C-alpha atoms as a PDB file:
ATOM      1  CA  MET A   1     -18.236 -23.952  -8.992  1.00  0.00           C
ATOM      2  CA  SER A   2     -15.345 -21.785  -7.766  1.00  0.00           C
ATOM      3  CA  ARG A   3     -11.890 -22.548  -9.074  1.00  0.00           C
ATOM      4  CA  TYR A   4     -10.328 -21.122  -5.918  1.00  0.00           C
ATOM      5  CA  TYR A   5      -9.529 -23.091  -2.742  1.00  0.00           C
ATOM      6  CA  PRO A   6      -8.542 -22.103   0.819  1.00  0.00           C
ATOM      7  CA  GLU A   7      -5.112 -23.742   0.483  1.00  0.00           C
ATOM      8  CA  GLN A   8      -4.056 -21.462  -2.379  1.00  0.00           C
ATOM      9  CA  PRO A   9      -1.822 -18.449  -1.638  1.00  0.00           C
ATOM     10  CA  ILE A  10      -2.822 -14.793  -1.533  1.00  0.00           C
ATOM     11  CA  GLY A  11      -1.004 -12.647  -4.083  1.00  0.00           C
ATOM     12  CA  VAL A  12       0.299  -9.192  -3.133  1.00  0.00           C
ATOM     13  CA  PHE A  13       2.020  -6.833  -5.550  1.00  0.00           C
ATOM     14  CA  ASP A  14       3.513  -3.361  -5.580  1.00  0.00           C
ATOM     15  CA  SER A  15       5.846  -1.381  -7.796  1.00  0.00           C
ATOM     16  CA  GLY A  16       8.590  -2.301  -5.327  1.00  0.00           C
ATOM     17  CA  VAL A  17       9.173  -2.730  -1.608  1.00  0.00           C
ATOM     18  CA  GLY A  18       6.423  -0.386  -0.395  1.00  0.00           C
ATOM     19  CA  GLY A  19       3.788  -3.104  -0.336  1.00  0.00           C
ATOM     20  CA  LEU A  20       5.718  -4.837   2.433  1.00  0.00           C
ATOM     21  CA  SER A  21       3.961  -2.379   4.763  1.00  0.00           C
ATOM     22  CA  ILE A  22       0.626  -3.892   3.663  1.00  0.00           C
ATOM     23  CA  LEU A  23       2.016  -7.428   3.750  1.00  0.00           C
ATOM     24  CA  ASN A  24       2.988  -6.921   7.385  1.00  0.00           C
ATOM     25  CA  ALA A  25      -0.611  -6.242   8.370  1.00  0.00           C
ATOM     26  CA  LEU A  26      -1.967  -9.073   6.212  1.00  0.00           C
ATOM     27  CA  ARG A  27       0.334 -11.613   7.864  1.00  0.00           C
ATOM     28  CA  GLN A  28      -0.561 -10.395  11.352  1.00  0.00           C
ATOM     29  CA  GLN A  29      -4.292 -10.773  10.663  1.00  0.00           C
ATOM     30  CA  MET A  30      -4.031 -14.101   8.805  1.00  0.00           C
ATOM     31  CA  PRO A  31      -1.002 -16.006  10.147  1.00  0.00           C
ATOM     32  CA  ALA A  32      -2.094 -19.341   8.658  1.00  0.00           C
ATOM     33  CA  GLU A  33      -2.260 -17.986   5.112  1.00  0.00           C
ATOM     34  CA  ARG A  34       0.378 -18.401   2.413  1.00  0.00           C
ATOM     35  CA  PHE A  35       1.461 -15.169   0.707  1.00  0.00           C
ATOM     36  CA  LEU A  36       3.229 -14.561  -2.571  1.00  0.00           C
ATOM     37  CA  TYR A  37       4.690 -11.053  -2.841  1.00  0.00           C
ATOM     38  CA  PHE A  38       5.774  -9.590  -6.163  1.00  0.00           C
ATOM     39  CA  ALA A  39       7.834  -6.385  -6.331  1.00  0.00           C
ATOM     40  CA  ASP A  40       7.924  -4.862  -9.812  1.00  0.00           C
ATOM     41  CA  SER A  41      11.149  -3.067  -8.980  1.00  0.00           C
ATOM     42  CA  ALA A  42      12.516  -3.163 -12.525  1.00  0.00           C
ATOM     43  CA  HIS A  43       9.648  -0.870 -13.530  1.00  0.00           C
ATOM     44  CA  ALA A  44       9.437   1.323 -10.424  1.00  0.00           C
ATOM     45  CA  PRO A  45       8.413   3.913  -9.464  1.00  0.00           C
ATOM     46  CA  TYR A  46       4.845   3.655 -10.750  1.00  0.00           C
ATOM     47  CA  GLY A  47       4.038   7.103  -9.397  1.00  0.00           C
ATOM     48  CA  GLU A  48       6.155   8.712 -12.097  1.00  0.00           C
ATOM     49  CA  ARG A  49       4.914   6.496 -14.961  1.00  0.00           C
ATOM     50  CA  SER A  50       2.011   7.104 -17.321  1.00  0.00           C
ATOM     51  CA  ALA A  51      -1.412   5.665 -16.505  1.00  0.00           C
ATOM     52  CA  GLU A  52      -1.192   3.453 -19.593  1.00  0.00           C
ATOM     53  CA  TYR A  53       2.137   2.025 -18.456  1.00  0.00           C
ATOM     54  CA  VAL A  54       0.894   1.269 -14.935  1.00  0.00           C
ATOM     55  CA  LEU A  55      -2.266  -0.367 -16.285  1.00  0.00           C
ATOM     56  CA  GLU A  56      -0.276  -2.614 -18.607  1.00  0.00           C
ATOM     57  CA  ARG A  57       2.138  -3.680 -15.847  1.00  0.00           C
ATOM     58  CA  SER A  58      -0.771  -4.340 -13.473  1.00  0.00           C
ATOM     59  CA  ARG A  59      -2.464  -6.518 -16.058  1.00  0.00           C
ATOM     60  CA  ARG A  60       0.688  -8.532 -16.733  1.00  0.00           C
ATOM     61  CA  ILE A  61       1.400  -9.104 -13.053  1.00  0.00           C
ATOM     62  CA  THR A  62      -2.193 -10.123 -12.363  1.00  0.00           C
ATOM     63  CA  GLN A  63      -2.073 -12.644 -15.197  1.00  0.00           C
ATOM     64  CA  MET A  64       1.215 -14.045 -13.909  1.00  0.00           C
ATOM     65  CA  LEU A  65       0.011 -14.396 -10.315  1.00  0.00           C
ATOM     66  CA  LEU A  66      -3.234 -16.019 -11.432  1.00  0.00           C
ATOM     67  CA  HIS A  67      -2.007 -18.431 -14.060  1.00  0.00           C
ATOM     68  CA  ASP A  68       1.533 -19.230 -12.902  1.00  0.00           C
ATOM     69  CA  CYS A  69       1.135 -18.948  -9.122  1.00  0.00           C
ATOM     70  CA  HIS A  70      -2.561 -19.857  -8.740  1.00  0.00           C
ATOM     71  CA  VAL A  71      -3.461 -17.204  -6.168  1.00  0.00           C
ATOM     72  CA  LYS A  72      -6.961 -17.229  -4.673  1.00  0.00           C
ATOM     73  CA  ALA A  73      -7.058 -13.469  -4.049  1.00  0.00           C
ATOM     74  CA  LEU A  74      -4.970 -10.470  -5.042  1.00  0.00           C
ATOM     75  CA  VAL A  75      -4.064  -7.409  -2.986  1.00  0.00           C
ATOM     76  CA  VAL A  76      -2.903  -4.489  -5.109  1.00  0.00           C
ATOM     77  CA  ALA A  77      -0.625  -3.034  -2.429  1.00  0.00           C
ATOM     78  CA  CYS A  78       0.137   0.125  -4.383  1.00  0.00           C
ATOM     79  CA  ASN A  79      -1.848   3.347  -4.270  1.00  0.00           C
ATOM     80  CA  THR A  80      -0.902   4.309  -7.816  1.00  0.00           C
ATOM     81  CA  ALA A  81      -1.791   0.921  -9.307  1.00  0.00           C
ATOM     82  CA  THR A  82      -5.066   0.928  -7.380  1.00  0.00           C
ATOM     83  CA  ALA A  83      -5.955   4.414  -8.604  1.00  0.00           C
ATOM     84  CA  VAL A  84      -5.124   3.614 -12.224  1.00  0.00           C
ATOM     85  CA  ALA A  85      -5.868  -0.078 -12.712  1.00  0.00           C
ATOM     86  CA  ILE A  86      -8.114  -1.699 -10.122  1.00  0.00           C
ATOM     87  CA  GLU A  87     -11.435  -1.032 -11.863  1.00  0.00           C
ATOM     88  CA  SER A  88     -10.119  -2.506 -15.126  1.00  0.00           C
ATOM     89  CA  LEU A  89      -8.715  -5.527 -13.280  1.00  0.00           C
ATOM     90  CA  ARG A  90     -12.066  -6.126 -11.578  1.00  0.00           C
ATOM     91  CA  GLN A  91     -13.876  -6.014 -14.902  1.00  0.00           C
ATOM     92  CA  GLU A  92     -11.384  -8.439 -16.440  1.00  0.00           C
ATOM     93  CA  HIS A  93     -11.404 -10.860 -13.473  1.00  0.00           C
ATOM     94  CA  PRO A  94     -14.920 -10.659 -11.981  1.00  0.00           C
ATOM     95  CA  ASP A  95     -14.585 -13.904  -9.998  1.00  0.00           C
ATOM     96  CA  LEU A  96     -11.293 -12.940  -8.300  1.00  0.00           C
ATOM     97  CA  ILE A  97     -11.170 -11.240  -4.898  1.00  0.00           C
ATOM     98  CA  LEU A  98      -9.295  -8.025  -5.717  1.00  0.00           C
ATOM     99  CA  ILE A  99      -8.388  -5.648  -2.887  1.00  0.00           C
ATOM    100  CA  GLY A 100      -6.900  -2.211  -3.517  1.00  0.00           C
ATOM    101  CA  VAL A 101      -5.490   0.522  -1.309  1.00  0.00           C
ATOM    102  CA  GLU A 102      -6.301   4.213  -1.245  1.00  0.00           C
ATOM    103  CA  PRO A 103      -5.317   7.145   0.971  1.00  0.00           C
ATOM    104  CA  ALA A 104      -7.139   6.758   4.287  1.00  0.00           C
ATOM    105  CA  LEU A 105      -8.942  10.101   4.354  1.00  0.00           C
ATOM    106  CA  LYS A 106     -11.981   8.908   6.319  1.00  0.00           C
ATOM    107  CA  PRO A 107      -9.947   7.468   9.241  1.00  0.00           C
ATOM    108  CA  ALA A 108      -7.894  10.685   9.251  1.00  0.00           C
ATOM    109  CA  ILE A 109     -11.042  12.802   9.600  1.00  0.00           C
ATOM    110  CA  ARG A 110     -12.098  10.771  12.639  1.00  0.00           C
ATOM    111  CA  LEU A 111      -8.634  11.157  14.186  1.00  0.00           C
ATOM    112  CA  SER A 112      -7.922  14.842  13.556  1.00  0.00           C
ATOM    113  CA  GLN A 113      -8.816  17.379  16.231  1.00  0.00           C
ATOM    114  CA  THR A 114      -7.945  20.482  14.200  1.00  0.00           C
ATOM    115  CA  GLY A 115      -9.596  19.416  10.949  1.00  0.00           C
ATOM    116  CA  GLN A 116      -6.336  20.100   9.107  1.00  0.00           C
ATOM    117  CA  ILE A 117      -4.935  17.015   7.356  1.00  0.00           C
ATOM    118  CA  ALA A 118      -1.908  16.565   5.102  1.00  0.00           C
ATOM    119  CA  VAL A 119      -2.211  13.896   2.402  1.00  0.00           C
ATOM    120  CA  LEU A 120       1.097  12.667   0.973  1.00  0.00           C
ATOM    121  CA  GLY A 121       1.070  10.683  -2.261  1.00  0.00           C
ATOM    122  CA  THR A 122       2.714  10.199  -5.616  1.00  0.00           C
ATOM    123  CA  ALA A 123       1.832  12.599  -8.408  1.00  0.00           C
ATOM    124  CA  ALA A 124      -0.023   9.811 -10.223  1.00  0.00           C
ATOM    125  CA  THR A 125      -2.138   8.974  -7.175  1.00  0.00           C
ATOM    126  CA  VAL A 126      -3.171  12.490  -6.170  1.00  0.00           C
ATOM    127  CA  SER A 127      -3.940  13.513  -9.772  1.00  0.00           C
ATOM    128  CA  SER A 128      -6.011  10.396 -10.513  1.00  0.00           C
ATOM    129  CA  PRO A 129      -9.792  10.636 -11.033  1.00  0.00           C
ATOM    130  CA  ARG A 130     -10.273   8.038  -8.292  1.00  0.00           C
ATOM    131  CA  PHE A 131      -8.474  10.181  -5.695  1.00  0.00           C
ATOM    132  CA  ARG A 132     -10.098  13.403  -6.877  1.00  0.00           C
ATOM    133  CA  GLN A 133     -13.525  11.825  -6.447  1.00  0.00           C
ATOM    134  CA  LEU A 134     -12.666  10.667  -2.909  1.00  0.00           C
ATOM    135  CA  HIS A 135     -11.209  14.069  -2.033  1.00  0.00           C
ATOM    136  CA  GLN A 136     -14.217  15.919  -3.440  1.00  0.00           C
ATOM    137  CA  SER A 137     -16.665  13.748  -1.485  1.00  0.00           C
ATOM    138  CA  LEU A 138     -14.972  14.610   1.837  1.00  0.00           C
ATOM    139  CA  ARG A 139     -13.801  18.187   1.306  1.00  0.00           C
ATOM    140  CA  HIS A 140     -16.520  19.657   3.551  1.00  0.00           C
ATOM    141  CA  GLN A 141     -15.457  17.479   6.492  1.00  0.00           C
ATOM    142  CA  ALA A 142     -11.837  18.674   6.776  1.00  0.00           C
ATOM    143  CA  GLN A 143      -9.243  20.795   5.038  1.00  0.00           C
ATOM    144  CA  PHE A 144      -6.873  18.547   3.119  1.00  0.00           C
ATOM    145  CA  HIS A 145      -3.375  19.723   2.212  1.00  0.00           C
ATOM    146  CA  VAL A 146      -2.518  17.429  -0.713  1.00  0.00           C
ATOM    147  CA  VAL A 147       1.203  17.065  -1.397  1.00  0.00           C
ATOM    148  CA  ALA A 148       2.603  15.242  -4.428  1.00  0.00           C
ATOM    149  CA  CYS A 149       5.918  13.904  -3.119  1.00  0.00           C
ATOM    150  CA  SER A 150       7.775  13.322  -6.384  1.00  0.00           C
ATOM    151  CA  GLY A 151      10.894  11.188  -5.930  1.00  0.00           C
ATOM    152  CA  LEU A 152      10.187  10.050  -2.375  1.00  0.00           C
ATOM    153  CA  ALA A 153       8.973   6.541  -3.232  1.00  0.00           C
ATOM    154  CA  ASP A 154      12.009   6.035  -5.450  1.00  0.00           C
ATOM    155  CA  ALA A 155      14.376   7.208  -2.685  1.00  0.00           C
ATOM    156  CA  ILE A 156      12.761   4.708  -0.302  1.00  0.00           C
ATOM    157  CA  GLU A 157      12.971   2.006  -2.965  1.00  0.00           C
ATOM    158  CA  GLN A 158      16.704   2.706  -3.312  1.00  0.00           C
ATOM    159  CA  ASP A 159      17.098   2.911   0.494  1.00  0.00           C
ATOM    160  CA  HIS A 160      18.851   6.258   0.033  1.00  0.00           C
ATOM    161  CA  GLY A 161      18.826   7.714   3.545  1.00  0.00           C
ATOM    162  CA  SER A 162      20.124  11.237   2.924  1.00  0.00           C
ATOM    163  CA  ARG A 163      17.804  11.701  -0.066  1.00  0.00           C
ATOM    164  CA  ILE A 164      14.819  10.521   1.983  1.00  0.00           C
ATOM    165  CA  GLU A 165      15.691  13.069   4.688  1.00  0.00           C
ATOM    166  CA  ALA A 166      16.052  15.880   2.139  1.00  0.00           C
ATOM    167  CA  LEU A 167      12.763  15.103   0.399  1.00  0.00           C
ATOM    168  CA  CYS A 168      10.849  14.878   3.684  1.00  0.00           C
ATOM    169  CA  GLN A 169      12.245  18.280   4.627  1.00  0.00           C
ATOM    170  CA  ARG A 170      11.287  19.693   1.207  1.00  0.00           C
ATOM    171  CA  TYR A 171       7.700  18.465   1.243  1.00  0.00           C
ATOM    172  CA  LEU A 172       6.880  18.861   4.933  1.00  0.00           C
ATOM    173  CA  GLY A 173       9.187  21.634   6.113  1.00  0.00           C
ATOM    174  CA  THR A 174       6.940  24.538   5.078  1.00  0.00           C
ATOM    175  CA  LEU A 175       3.684  23.139   6.461  1.00  0.00           C
ATOM    176  CA  PRO A 176       2.320  24.236   9.872  1.00  0.00           C
ATOM    177  CA  PHE A 177       2.226  21.176  12.116  1.00  0.00           C
ATOM    178  CA  GLY A 178       0.822  21.148  15.616  1.00  0.00           C
ATOM    179  CA  HIS A 179      -2.358  20.932  17.652  1.00  0.00           C
ATOM    180  CA  ALA A 180      -3.346  24.591  17.708  1.00  0.00           C
ATOM    181  CA  SER A 181      -6.213  25.869  15.575  1.00  0.00           C
ATOM    182  CA  GLY A 182      -5.268  26.019  11.905  1.00  0.00           C
ATOM    183  CA  HIS A 183      -2.370  23.607  12.294  1.00  0.00           C
ATOM    184  CA  ILE A 184      -2.031  20.184  10.705  1.00  0.00           C
ATOM    185  CA  ASP A 185      -2.266  17.444  13.323  1.00  0.00           C
ATOM    186  CA  THR A 186      -2.741  14.409  11.051  1.00  0.00           C
ATOM    187  CA  ILE A 187      -0.823  13.032   8.054  1.00  0.00           C
ATOM    188  CA  VAL A 188      -2.205  10.462   5.624  1.00  0.00           C
ATOM    189  CA  LEU A 189       0.533   8.304   4.116  1.00  0.00           C
ATOM    190  CA  GLY A 190      -0.958   7.863   0.652  1.00  0.00           C
ATOM    191  CA  CYS A 191       1.775   5.623  -0.737  1.00  0.00           C
ATOM    192  CA  THR A 192       2.652   2.217   0.665  1.00  0.00           C
ATOM    193  CA  HIS A 193       6.356   3.118   0.547  1.00  0.00           C
ATOM    194  CA  TYR A 194       5.926   6.073   2.890  1.00  0.00           C
ATOM    195  CA  PRO A 195       5.618   4.207   6.221  1.00  0.00           C
ATOM    196  CA  PHE A 196       9.284   3.283   5.776  1.00  0.00           C
ATOM    197  CA  ALA A 197      10.123   7.012   5.854  1.00  0.00           C
ATOM    198  CA  ARG A 198       8.046   7.772   8.923  1.00  0.00           C
ATOM    199  CA  ALA A 199      11.048   8.331  11.205  1.00  0.00           C
ATOM    200  CA  ALA A 200      12.465  10.899   8.771  1.00  0.00           C
ATOM    201  CA  MET A 201       9.069  12.611   8.552  1.00  0.00           C
ATOM    202  CA  GLN A 202       8.759  12.787  12.329  1.00  0.00           C
ATOM    203  CA  ARG A 203      12.079  14.588  12.525  1.00  0.00           C
ATOM    204  CA  VAL A 204      10.382  17.357  10.518  1.00  0.00           C
ATOM    205  CA  THR A 205       6.857  17.314  11.966  1.00  0.00           C
ATOM    206  CA  GLY A 206       7.535  16.279  15.546  1.00  0.00           C
ATOM    207  CA  ALA A 207       6.550  12.958  17.083  1.00  0.00           C
ATOM    208  CA  ASP A 208       3.096  14.022  18.359  1.00  0.00           C
ATOM    209  CA  ILE A 209       1.470  14.266  14.913  1.00  0.00           C
ATOM    210  CA  HIS A 210      -0.953  11.481  13.957  1.00  0.00           C
ATOM    211  CA  TYR A 211       0.141   9.290  11.035  1.00  0.00           C
ATOM    212  CA  VAL A 212      -2.499   7.258   9.207  1.00  0.00           C
ATOM    213  CA  GLU A 213      -1.517   4.156   7.226  1.00  0.00           C
ATOM    214  CA  THR A 214      -3.678   1.741   5.243  1.00  0.00           C
ATOM    215  CA  GLY A 215      -2.244  -1.650   6.240  1.00  0.00           C
ATOM    216  CA  LEU A 216      -4.664  -2.660   8.995  1.00  0.00           C
ATOM    217  CA  PRO A 217      -7.909  -1.631   7.209  1.00  0.00           C
ATOM    218  CA  VAL A 218      -6.755  -3.449   4.065  1.00  0.00           C
ATOM    219  CA  ALA A 219      -5.879  -6.583   6.042  1.00  0.00           C
ATOM    220  CA  LEU A 220      -9.209  -6.627   7.877  1.00  0.00           C
ATOM    221  CA  HIS A 221     -11.125  -6.103   4.627  1.00  0.00           C
ATOM    222  CA  THR A 222      -9.169  -8.898   2.919  1.00  0.00           C
ATOM    223  CA  ARG A 223      -9.924 -11.274   5.788  1.00  0.00           C
ATOM    224  CA  ARG A 224     -13.646 -10.436   5.642  1.00  0.00           C
ATOM    225  CA  ARG A 225     -13.775 -11.030   1.883  1.00  0.00           C
ATOM    226  CA  LEU A 226     -12.063 -14.409   2.231  1.00  0.00           C
ATOM    227  CA  GLU A 227     -14.395 -15.430   5.047  1.00  0.00           C
ATOM    228  CA  GLN A 228     -17.433 -14.457   2.988  1.00  0.00           C
ATOM    229  CA  ALA A 229     -16.154 -16.515   0.053  1.00  0.00           C
ATOM    230  CA  GLN A 230     -15.242 -19.437   2.365  1.00  0.00           C
ATOM    231  CA  LEU A 231     -11.634 -19.153   1.192  1.00  0.00           C
ATOM    232  CA  LEU A 232      -9.934 -18.358   4.497  1.00  0.00           C
ATOM    233  CA  HIS A 233      -7.379 -21.024   5.355  1.00  0.00           C
ATOM    234  CA  PRO A 234      -8.916 -23.247   8.058  1.00  0.00           C
ATOM    235  CA  GLY A 235      -5.780 -23.899  10.103  1.00  0.00           C
ATOM    236  CA  THR A 236      -2.064 -24.515   9.975  1.00  0.00           C
ATOM    237  CA  PRO A 237      -0.820 -24.852   6.400  1.00  0.00           C
ATOM    238  CA  SER A 238       1.226 -27.791   5.206  1.00  0.00           C
ATOM    239  CA  PRO A 239       4.960 -27.507   6.015  1.00  0.00           C
ATOM    240  CA  ALA A 240       5.561 -28.491   2.383  1.00  0.00           C
ATOM    241  CA  HIS A 241       4.497 -24.982   1.351  1.00  0.00           C
ATOM    242  CA  PRO A 242       6.343 -21.869   2.582  1.00  0.00           C
ATOM    243  CA  LEU A 243       4.190 -19.230   4.254  1.00  0.00           C
ATOM    244  CA  LEU A 244       5.885 -16.468   2.258  1.00  0.00           C
ATOM    245  CA  GLU A 245       7.482 -16.294  -1.157  1.00  0.00           C
ATOM    246  CA  LEU A 246       9.207 -13.126  -2.350  1.00  0.00           C
ATOM    247  CA  HIS A 247       9.641 -12.386  -6.047  1.00  0.00           C
ATOM    248  CA  SER A 248      10.973  -9.338  -7.864  1.00  0.00           C
ATOM    249  CA  SER A 249      11.345  -8.191 -11.454  1.00  0.00           C
ATOM    250  CA  GLY A 250      14.449  -6.332 -10.265  1.00  0.00           C
ATOM    251  CA  ASP A 251      16.983  -6.942  -7.499  1.00  0.00           C
ATOM    252  CA  ALA A 252      15.704  -9.949  -5.543  1.00  0.00           C
ATOM    253  CA  LEU A 253      18.428  -9.605  -2.906  1.00  0.00           C
ATOM    254  CA  ALA A 254      17.411  -5.999  -2.193  1.00  0.00           C
ATOM    255  CA  LEU A 255      13.809  -7.132  -1.684  1.00  0.00           C
ATOM    256  CA  GLN A 256      14.906  -9.909   0.665  1.00  0.00           C
ATOM    257  CA  GLU A 257      16.993  -7.459   2.695  1.00  0.00           C
ATOM    258  CA  MET A 258      14.090  -5.012   3.033  1.00  0.00           C
ATOM    259  CA  ALA A 259      11.808  -7.881   4.033  1.00  0.00           C
ATOM    260  CA  ARG A 260      14.333  -9.028   6.653  1.00  0.00           C
ATOM    261  CA  ARG A 261      14.449  -5.529   8.133  1.00  0.00           C
ATOM    262  CA  HIS A 262      10.786  -4.600   8.005  1.00  0.00           C
ATOM    263  CA  LEU A 263       8.601  -7.707   8.105  1.00  0.00           C
ATOM    264  CA  GLN A 264       7.422  -8.792  11.529  1.00  0.00           C
ATOM    265  CA  THR A 265       6.854 -12.389  12.583  1.00  0.00           C
ATOM    266  CA  PRO A 266       3.135 -13.168  12.217  1.00  0.00           C
ATOM    267  CA  ALA A 267       1.130 -13.428  15.424  1.00  0.00           C
ATOM    268  CA  GLU A 268       0.181 -16.972  16.351  1.00  0.00           C
END
C-alpha cells in the first residue's frame, strides 16, 4: 500500500532561485496542487561545487522534504543536481516519484532550421557523464555549441544586473547568431537560473533567436506521473493549507522577493 496521498504537497528544490522557472510551469499545469519549494541558497551555486558535494546536499534535502514535509513527489529543479544525483536518489527512494531536468536538446533539434544550436549550462552540468551521453546520442542530428557559463548562475542568484550583462556578453558575444546557413538560431538554456537572464541574452543575440527552456516539458511529465500513480489532487485544496510554501537555507527574504517578481498566478 502506498504511503503517499493526493493531498500531500509536491516538493521542488534547486540550489537557489533558478528552480522558480520550473515551479512557474508546474503551478500553471497543476493549479490545485500544493507546492513546497526549497532553495539551497546557502550552498549555491551547485554548478561550481564538486559532484560529491552536490550529491550530499541533494540527499539531505530529499530526506528533509520526505520526512519533515511529507511530499508525495519531488522535482529536482536543478540541472546540476539532476546530472549528478538523480540516479542515486532514485535508487535510494524507489517508491518516490522523482522528476529531474536536463538540457532540452531534442526539442531544440525540432525547432532549429539551421541545425546550429548553442547549449548554455554550468560547468558541472556540461561536463557530467549524463550530459555527455545525451550529447553523444544526438550529435549527428545537429551541431551543438556547448558553453560552460561559469559565474552566470551565481550572478542571477545575487540579482547582480551589470554582472549578468557582462557574462552574457562574454559567453554569447563571439558566437554567430542568425538564420543564415552556419549560424546559430536556437539556444538551449541548460540551467534553471538562465531564463531569468533571457532579456540580457537577447540584447546580445537579437530577439529572433529561439530559446528553449525545460519548464513546460517537466511540468507535463510530472502531471502524467502523478495521474498514473493516482496521486494528482482531485480538486480544490483545503484553505487550511497554503498552495505554496517557500523555504531557503540562505536569505529567505531574497527568495520571497524573487518569487514575487517572477512567479505567475496559476491558471484556474
